[in-house]
């Protein structure tokens, strides 16, 4: 079910605040978007990036920002759906970062689950992933090796 226009704008507003705060490397500001619940979950792109609870979510962003000289978050697309007081977003984005003096643009897939509490949309879950590099277009599984992709 689609949200009404005002609610969809409010949900997308949380994404815009995320992008602004991420670009400013504002650890506390990004963390404040998440509910202060022990079962809030953040899954990042790294193999070890599975964080449970707001203090751990904060730790992840502190690590992200410590490793990057410059950051910018750019939304490419956003699809918002809702049921009752819950909403979820599937989005495509590009994270622009400078790491070790090298500028990189990383396309990611981004999913957020939100709940409407006391007039505010809060994040309960966020998952970011990078498309499998070993999966050629049209293939169902990432089975290609680096050598296969070079041919």
N, C-alpha and C. Protein backbone atom coordinates (compact mmCIF):
# COMPACT_ATOMS: atom_id res chain seq x y z
N UNK A 1 0.84 -1.16 0.00
CA UNK A 1 0.00 0.00 0.00
C UNK A 1 0.89 1.24 0.00
N UNK A 2 0.58 2.18 -0.86
CA UNK A 2 1.34 3.43 -0.93
C UNK A 2 0.91 4.34 0.22
N UNK A 3 1.86 5.08 0.75
CA UNK A 3 1.57 6.09 1.76
C UNK A 3 0.88 7.28 1.13
N UNK A 4 0.12 8.02 1.94
CA UNK A 4 -0.39 9.28 1.41
C UNK A 4 0.79 10.22 1.20
N UNK A 5 0.57 11.24 0.41
CA UNK A 5 1.68 12.11 -0.02
C UNK A 5 2.45 12.71 1.16
N UNK A 6 1.75 13.17 2.19
CA UNK A 6 2.42 13.77 3.35
C UNK A 6 3.28 12.78 4.10
N UNK A 7 2.77 11.56 4.28
CA UNK A 7 3.54 10.53 4.98
C UNK A 7 4.74 10.09 4.16
N UNK A 8 4.54 9.96 2.84
CA UNK A 8 5.66 9.57 1.98
C UNK A 8 6.76 10.64 2.02
N UNK A 9 6.35 11.90 2.02
CA UNK A 9 7.34 12.99 2.11
C UNK A 9 8.07 12.94 3.45
N UNK A 10 7.36 12.59 4.52
CA UNK A 10 8.00 12.50 5.84
C UNK A 10 9.01 11.36 5.88
N UNK A 11 8.65 10.21 5.30
CA UNK A 11 9.58 9.08 5.25
C UNK A 11 10.80 9.45 4.41
N UNK A 12 10.56 10.04 3.24
CA UNK A 12 11.68 10.45 2.38
C UNK A 12 12.51 11.54 3.06
N UNK A 13 11.87 12.35 3.89
CA UNK A 13 12.61 13.35 4.65
C UNK A 13 13.65 12.73 5.57
N UNK A 14 13.34 11.55 6.13
CA UNK A 14 14.34 10.88 6.96
C UNK A 14 15.54 10.45 6.11
N UNK A 15 15.26 10.04 4.87
CA UNK A 15 16.36 9.66 3.97
C UNK A 15 17.21 10.87 3.61
N UNK A 16 16.55 12.00 3.37
CA UNK A 16 17.30 13.22 3.06
C UNK A 16 18.14 13.66 4.25
N UNK A 17 17.58 13.55 5.47
CA UNK A 17 18.37 13.90 6.66
C UNK A 17 19.56 12.94 6.81
N UNK A 18 19.34 11.67 6.51
CA UNK A 18 20.43 10.70 6.55
C UNK A 18 21.55 11.15 5.60
N UNK A 19 21.18 11.47 4.37
CA UNK A 19 22.19 11.87 3.37
C UNK A 19 22.93 13.13 3.82
N UNK A 20 22.20 14.11 4.33
CA UNK A 20 22.84 15.36 4.81
C UNK A 20 23.80 15.08 5.96
N UNK A 21 23.34 14.31 6.92
CA UNK A 21 24.16 14.03 8.11
C UNK A 21 25.34 13.12 7.76
N UNK A 22 25.12 12.20 6.83
CA UNK A 22 26.22 11.34 6.38
C UNK A 22 27.29 12.20 5.72
N UNK A 23 26.86 13.11 4.86
CA UNK A 23 27.80 14.00 4.18
C UNK A 23 28.57 14.89 5.14
N UNK A 24 27.93 15.25 6.24
CA UNK A 24 28.58 16.08 7.26
C UNK A 24 29.40 15.25 8.24
N UNK A 25 29.38 13.92 8.06
CA UNK A 25 30.06 13.00 8.98
C UNK A 25 29.58 13.22 10.41
N UNK A 26 28.27 13.39 10.56
CA UNK A 26 27.62 13.65 11.84
C UNK A 26 27.15 12.33 12.45
N UNK A 27 28.01 11.71 13.24
CA UNK A 27 27.71 10.41 13.83
C UNK A 27 26.43 10.45 14.66
N UNK A 28 26.32 11.43 15.54
CA UNK A 28 25.14 11.51 16.39
C UNK A 28 23.87 11.79 15.58
N UNK A 29 23.97 12.66 14.59
CA UNK A 29 22.82 13.00 13.77
C UNK A 29 22.29 11.82 12.99
N UNK A 30 23.18 11.01 12.42
CA UNK A 30 22.75 9.82 11.68
C UNK A 30 22.15 8.81 12.65
N UNK A 31 22.80 8.61 13.78
CA UNK A 31 22.33 7.63 14.76
C UNK A 31 20.95 7.98 15.30
N UNK A 32 20.66 9.27 15.45
CA UNK A 32 19.37 9.71 15.99
C UNK A 32 18.19 9.33 15.11
N UNK A 33 18.42 9.00 13.85
CA UNK A 33 17.33 8.58 12.97
C UNK A 33 16.80 7.20 13.38
N UNK A 34 17.62 6.41 14.05
CA UNK A 34 17.25 5.06 14.45
C UNK A 34 16.50 5.08 15.79
N UNK A 35 15.52 4.18 15.92
CA UNK A 35 14.82 4.03 17.19
C UNK A 35 15.82 3.59 18.25
N UNK A 36 15.58 4.01 19.48
CA UNK A 36 16.46 3.62 20.58
C UNK A 36 15.95 2.31 21.17
N UNK A 37 15.96 1.26 20.35
CA UNK A 37 15.48 -0.06 20.73
C UNK A 37 16.66 -1.04 20.71
N UNK A 38 16.65 -2.03 21.59
CA UNK A 38 17.76 -2.98 21.60
C UNK A 38 17.82 -3.87 20.37
N UNK A 39 16.71 -3.99 19.64
CA UNK A 39 16.71 -4.86 18.46
C UNK A 39 16.80 -4.11 17.14
N UNK A 40 17.15 -2.82 17.18
CA UNK A 40 17.41 -2.09 15.94
C UNK A 40 18.60 -2.75 15.26
N UNK A 41 18.49 -2.94 13.95
CA UNK A 41 19.52 -3.69 13.23
C UNK A 41 20.05 -2.90 12.05
N UNK A 42 21.37 -2.83 11.92
CA UNK A 42 22.02 -2.22 10.78
C UNK A 42 22.93 -3.26 10.15
N UNK A 43 22.74 -3.49 8.85
CA UNK A 43 23.62 -4.38 8.11
C UNK A 43 24.27 -3.55 7.03
N UNK A 44 25.60 -3.54 7.02
CA UNK A 44 26.35 -2.76 6.05
C UNK A 44 26.90 -3.63 4.94
N UNK A 45 27.78 -3.06 4.14
CA UNK A 45 28.33 -3.76 2.99
C UNK A 45 29.51 -4.66 3.35
N UNK A 46 30.12 -4.46 4.49
CA UNK A 46 31.27 -5.27 4.90
C UNK A 46 30.86 -6.58 5.54
N UNK A 47 31.72 -7.58 5.44
CA UNK A 47 31.42 -8.91 6.00
C UNK A 47 31.16 -8.86 7.50
N UNK A 48 31.79 -7.93 8.21
CA UNK A 48 31.62 -7.84 9.66
C UNK A 48 30.60 -6.78 10.09
N UNK A 49 29.87 -6.22 9.15
CA UNK A 49 28.98 -5.10 9.47
C UNK A 49 27.55 -5.56 9.71
N UNK A 50 27.33 -6.07 10.91
CA UNK A 50 26.01 -6.45 11.39
C UNK A 50 25.92 -5.96 12.82
N UNK A 51 25.16 -4.89 13.04
CA UNK A 51 25.16 -4.19 14.31
C UNK A 51 23.76 -4.19 14.90
N UNK A 52 23.66 -4.56 16.17
CA UNK A 52 22.38 -4.66 16.86
C UNK A 52 22.33 -3.67 18.01
N UNK A 53 21.30 -2.83 18.02
CA UNK A 53 21.14 -1.82 19.06
C UNK A 53 21.76 -0.50 18.65
N UNK A 54 21.20 0.57 19.15
CA UNK A 54 21.63 1.91 18.76
C UNK A 54 23.10 2.20 19.07
N UNK A 55 23.64 1.77 20.23
CA UNK A 55 25.08 2.02 20.48
C UNK A 55 25.97 1.38 19.42
N UNK A 56 25.61 0.18 18.95
CA UNK A 56 26.39 -0.48 17.92
C UNK A 56 26.22 0.21 16.56
N UNK A 57 25.01 0.69 16.29
CA UNK A 57 24.77 1.46 15.06
C UNK A 57 25.68 2.68 15.06
N UNK A 58 25.76 3.36 16.18
CA UNK A 58 26.63 4.54 16.30
C UNK A 58 28.08 4.17 16.03
N UNK A 59 28.49 3.02 16.57
CA UNK A 59 29.86 2.55 16.38
C UNK A 59 30.19 2.35 14.89
N UNK A 60 29.23 1.82 14.15
CA UNK A 60 29.44 1.62 12.71
C UNK A 60 29.67 2.95 12.00
N UNK A 61 28.82 3.94 12.29
CA UNK A 61 28.98 5.22 11.61
C UNK A 61 30.28 5.92 12.04
N UNK A 62 30.66 5.78 13.28
CA UNK A 62 31.94 6.35 13.73
C UNK A 62 33.08 5.73 12.93
N UNK A 63 33.02 4.44 12.70
CA UNK A 63 34.05 3.76 11.90
C UNK A 63 34.03 4.24 10.45
N UNK A 64 32.83 4.32 9.87
CA UNK A 64 32.72 4.81 8.49
C UNK A 64 33.39 6.17 8.34
N UNK A 65 33.03 7.08 9.21
CA UNK A 65 33.49 8.46 9.07
C UNK A 65 34.97 8.61 9.42
N UNK A 66 35.48 7.77 10.30
CA UNK A 66 36.91 7.81 10.64
C UNK A 66 37.76 7.37 9.45
N UNK A 67 37.24 6.46 8.64
CA UNK A 67 38.00 5.94 7.50
C UNK A 67 37.93 6.83 6.27
N UNK A 68 36.94 7.72 6.23
CA UNK A 68 36.73 8.54 5.02
C UNK A 68 37.17 9.98 5.26
N UNK A 69 37.89 10.53 4.30
CA UNK A 69 38.28 11.94 4.38
C UNK A 69 37.12 12.85 4.03
N UNK A 70 36.31 12.40 3.09
CA UNK A 70 35.17 13.19 2.61
C UNK A 70 34.06 12.20 2.28
N UNK A 71 32.81 12.59 2.53
CA UNK A 71 31.68 11.72 2.22
C UNK A 71 30.54 12.52 1.62
N UNK A 72 29.81 11.85 0.73
CA UNK A 72 28.58 12.43 0.19
C UNK A 72 27.68 11.28 -0.23
N UNK A 73 26.42 11.41 0.07
CA UNK A 73 25.43 10.36 -0.20
C UNK A 73 24.45 10.90 -1.22
N UNK A 74 24.24 10.18 -2.32
CA UNK A 74 23.36 10.63 -3.40
C UNK A 74 22.28 9.59 -3.67
N UNK A 75 21.02 9.98 -3.54
CA UNK A 75 19.91 9.07 -3.86
C UNK A 75 19.70 9.04 -5.36
N UNK A 76 19.53 7.85 -5.91
CA UNK A 76 19.25 7.66 -7.33
C UNK A 76 17.75 7.37 -7.51
N UNK A 77 17.21 6.47 -6.69
CA UNK A 77 15.78 6.15 -6.74
C UNK A 77 15.32 5.75 -5.34
N UNK A 78 14.00 5.93 -5.10
CA UNK A 78 13.41 5.54 -3.82
C UNK A 78 12.00 5.02 -4.08
N UNK A 79 11.69 3.89 -3.47
CA UNK A 79 10.36 3.31 -3.58
C UNK A 79 9.85 3.10 -2.15
N UNK A 80 8.76 3.76 -1.79
CA UNK A 80 8.24 3.74 -0.43
C UNK A 80 6.89 3.02 -0.40
N UNK A 81 6.73 2.09 0.54
CA UNK A 81 5.49 1.34 0.72
C UNK A 81 5.19 1.31 2.21
N UNK A 82 3.89 1.15 2.58
CA UNK A 82 3.52 1.16 3.99
C UNK A 82 2.36 0.23 4.28
N UNK A 83 2.24 -0.11 5.55
CA UNK A 83 1.09 -0.83 6.09
C UNK A 83 0.93 -0.37 7.52
N UNK A 84 -0.16 0.30 7.82
CA UNK A 84 -0.37 0.81 9.18
C UNK A 84 0.70 1.81 9.56
N UNK A 85 1.33 1.58 10.71
CA UNK A 85 2.38 2.48 11.20
C UNK A 85 3.78 2.05 10.75
N UNK A 86 3.87 1.12 9.81
CA UNK A 86 5.16 0.66 9.31
C UNK A 86 5.33 1.09 7.86
N UNK A 87 6.56 1.39 7.51
CA UNK A 87 6.89 1.73 6.12
C UNK A 87 8.24 1.10 5.81
N UNK A 88 8.45 0.85 4.53
CA UNK A 88 9.75 0.35 4.11
C UNK A 88 10.13 1.02 2.80
N UNK A 89 11.42 1.20 2.64
CA UNK A 89 11.96 1.89 1.47
C UNK A 89 12.99 0.99 0.82
N UNK A 90 12.90 0.87 -0.48
CA UNK A 90 13.94 0.22 -1.27
C UNK A 90 14.51 1.31 -2.17
N UNK A 91 15.80 1.51 -2.09
CA UNK A 91 16.41 2.64 -2.80
C UNK A 91 17.74 2.23 -3.43
N UNK A 92 18.11 3.01 -4.42
CA UNK A 92 19.44 2.92 -5.00
C UNK A 92 20.14 4.24 -4.70
N UNK A 93 21.41 4.15 -4.39
CA UNK A 93 22.16 5.34 -4.03
C UNK A 93 23.61 5.18 -4.48
N UNK A 94 24.34 6.28 -4.42
CA UNK A 94 25.78 6.25 -4.64
C UNK A 94 26.41 6.95 -3.45
N UNK A 95 27.37 6.27 -2.84
CA UNK A 95 28.13 6.86 -1.75
C UNK A 95 29.45 7.33 -2.36
N UNK A 96 29.70 8.62 -2.26
CA UNK A 96 30.94 9.20 -2.75
C UNK A 96 31.84 9.41 -1.53
N UNK A 97 32.99 8.77 -1.53
CA UNK A 97 33.91 8.86 -0.39
C UNK A 97 35.33 9.07 -0.88
N UNK A 98 36.12 9.67 -0.03
CA UNK A 98 37.56 9.75 -0.26
C UNK A 98 38.21 8.91 0.83
N UNK A 99 38.89 7.84 0.41
CA UNK A 99 39.56 6.93 1.33
C UNK A 99 41.02 6.84 0.91
N UNK A 100 41.91 7.09 1.84
CA UNK A 100 43.35 7.07 1.56
C UNK A 100 43.69 7.99 0.39
N UNK A 101 43.01 9.12 0.31
CA UNK A 101 43.28 10.11 -0.72
C UNK A 101 42.69 9.81 -2.08
N UNK A 102 41.98 8.69 -2.20
CA UNK A 102 41.39 8.29 -3.48
C UNK A 102 39.88 8.48 -3.42
N UNK A 103 39.34 9.23 -4.40
CA UNK A 103 37.89 9.41 -4.47
C UNK A 103 37.25 8.19 -5.09
N UNK A 104 36.18 7.73 -4.46
CA UNK A 104 35.47 6.56 -4.96
C UNK A 104 33.97 6.85 -4.97
N UNK A 105 33.28 6.28 -5.92
CA UNK A 105 31.82 6.35 -5.98
C UNK A 105 31.31 4.92 -5.97
N UNK A 106 30.59 4.57 -4.91
CA UNK A 106 30.16 3.19 -4.70
C UNK A 106 28.65 3.10 -4.84
N UNK A 107 28.16 2.43 -5.88
CA UNK A 107 26.71 2.26 -6.01
C UNK A 107 26.23 1.22 -4.99
N UNK A 108 25.17 1.55 -4.28
CA UNK A 108 24.64 0.62 -3.29
C UNK A 108 23.13 0.47 -3.43
N UNK A 109 22.66 -0.64 -2.91
CA UNK A 109 21.24 -0.89 -2.74
C UNK A 109 20.96 -0.70 -1.27
N UNK A 110 19.83 -0.09 -0.97
CA UNK A 110 19.59 0.40 0.38
C UNK A 110 18.15 0.07 0.76
N UNK A 111 17.94 -0.57 1.89
CA UNK A 111 16.61 -0.87 2.38
C UNK A 111 16.48 -0.35 3.81
N UNK A 112 15.37 0.32 4.09
CA UNK A 112 15.10 0.84 5.43
C UNK A 112 13.69 0.42 5.83
N UNK A 113 13.53 -0.04 7.07
CA UNK A 113 12.21 -0.31 7.65
C UNK A 113 11.99 0.72 8.74
N UNK A 114 10.84 1.39 8.69
CA UNK A 114 10.54 2.46 9.63
C UNK A 114 9.23 2.20 10.37
N UNK A 115 9.08 2.87 11.50
CA UNK A 115 7.82 2.83 12.25
C UNK A 115 7.45 4.25 12.63
N UNK A 116 6.16 4.55 12.55
CA UNK A 116 5.66 5.87 12.93
C UNK A 116 5.35 5.84 14.42
N UNK A 117 6.11 6.60 15.19
CA UNK A 117 5.97 6.65 16.65
C UNK A 117 5.86 8.09 17.11
N UNK A 118 4.82 8.39 17.84
CA UNK A 118 4.65 9.74 18.41
C UNK A 118 4.85 10.83 17.37
N UNK A 119 4.31 10.61 16.17
CA UNK A 119 4.36 11.61 15.12
C UNK A 119 5.66 11.68 14.34
N UNK A 120 6.57 10.74 14.59
CA UNK A 120 7.88 10.77 13.93
C UNK A 120 8.16 9.39 13.32
N UNK A 121 8.76 9.37 12.13
CA UNK A 121 9.19 8.12 11.52
C UNK A 121 10.60 7.81 12.00
N UNK A 122 10.77 6.63 12.61
CA UNK A 122 12.09 6.20 13.10
C UNK A 122 12.51 4.93 12.37
N UNK A 123 13.81 4.78 12.21
CA UNK A 123 14.36 3.63 11.51
C UNK A 123 14.52 2.45 12.48
N UNK A 124 14.04 1.28 12.06
CA UNK A 124 14.20 0.05 12.84
C UNK A 124 15.25 -0.86 12.24
N UNK A 125 15.44 -0.73 10.94
CA UNK A 125 16.36 -1.62 10.24
C UNK A 125 16.89 -0.89 9.01
N UNK A 126 18.20 -1.07 8.77
CA UNK A 126 18.80 -0.52 7.55
C UNK A 126 19.77 -1.55 7.01
N UNK A 127 19.64 -1.82 5.73
CA UNK A 127 20.53 -2.76 5.07
C UNK A 127 21.09 -2.11 3.82
N UNK A 128 22.39 -2.15 3.65
CA UNK A 128 23.04 -1.63 2.45
C UNK A 128 23.85 -2.76 1.84
N UNK A 129 23.83 -2.85 0.52
CA UNK A 129 24.62 -3.88 -0.15
C UNK A 129 25.14 -3.35 -1.48
N UNK A 130 26.18 -3.99 -1.94
CA UNK A 130 26.76 -3.70 -3.25
C UNK A 130 26.43 -4.90 -4.12
N UNK A 131 26.02 -4.66 -5.35
CA UNK A 131 25.70 -5.76 -6.25
C UNK A 131 26.92 -6.67 -6.43
N UNK A 132 26.68 -7.95 -6.55
CA UNK A 132 27.76 -8.93 -6.70
C UNK A 132 28.54 -8.67 -7.98
N UNK A 133 29.83 -8.43 -7.83
CA UNK A 133 30.67 -8.13 -8.99
C UNK A 133 30.89 -9.32 -9.91
N UNK A 134 30.78 -10.53 -9.39
CA UNK A 134 31.02 -11.71 -10.20
C UNK A 134 29.77 -12.24 -10.87
N UNK A 135 28.73 -11.42 -10.93
CA UNK A 135 27.47 -11.86 -11.53
C UNK A 135 27.19 -11.05 -12.79
N UNK A 136 27.45 -11.63 -13.95
CA UNK A 136 27.21 -10.89 -15.19
C UNK A 136 25.73 -10.60 -15.37
N UNK A 137 25.42 -9.56 -16.10
CA UNK A 137 24.04 -9.22 -16.41
C UNK A 137 23.36 -10.40 -17.09
N UNK A 138 22.16 -10.72 -16.62
CA UNK A 138 21.41 -11.83 -17.19
C UNK A 138 21.65 -13.15 -16.50
N UNK A 139 22.62 -13.25 -15.61
CA UNK A 139 22.91 -14.48 -14.88
C UNK A 139 22.19 -14.45 -13.54
N UNK A 140 21.78 -15.62 -13.05
CA UNK A 140 21.05 -15.72 -11.81
C UNK A 140 21.93 -15.75 -10.57
N UNK A 141 23.20 -16.13 -10.73
CA UNK A 141 24.09 -16.28 -9.58
C UNK A 141 25.44 -15.66 -9.85
N UNK A 142 26.11 -15.17 -8.78
CA UNK A 142 27.45 -14.58 -8.96
C UNK A 142 28.52 -15.66 -9.00
N UNK A 143 28.62 -16.36 -10.12
CA UNK A 143 29.56 -17.48 -10.22
C UNK A 143 30.78 -17.16 -11.07
N UNK A 144 30.79 -16.03 -11.74
CA UNK A 144 31.94 -15.67 -12.57
C UNK A 144 33.12 -15.30 -11.69
N UNK A 145 34.31 -15.69 -12.11
CA UNK A 145 35.53 -15.31 -11.41
C UNK A 145 36.07 -14.03 -12.03
N UNK A 146 37.06 -13.44 -11.39
CA UNK A 146 37.68 -12.23 -11.94
C UNK A 146 38.23 -12.50 -13.35
N UNK A 147 38.83 -13.70 -13.55
CA UNK A 147 39.35 -14.04 -14.86
C UNK A 147 38.24 -14.13 -15.91
N UNK A 148 37.09 -14.68 -15.51
CA UNK A 148 35.94 -14.75 -16.45
C UNK A 148 35.51 -13.36 -16.87
N UNK A 149 35.51 -12.43 -15.93
CA UNK A 149 35.03 -11.08 -16.23
C UNK A 149 36.03 -10.30 -17.11
N UNK A 150 37.29 -10.67 -17.09
CA UNK A 150 38.31 -9.97 -17.89
C UNK A 150 38.28 -10.41 -19.35
N UNK A 151 37.72 -11.56 -19.63
CA UNK A 151 37.71 -12.10 -21.01
C UNK A 151 36.80 -11.33 -21.90
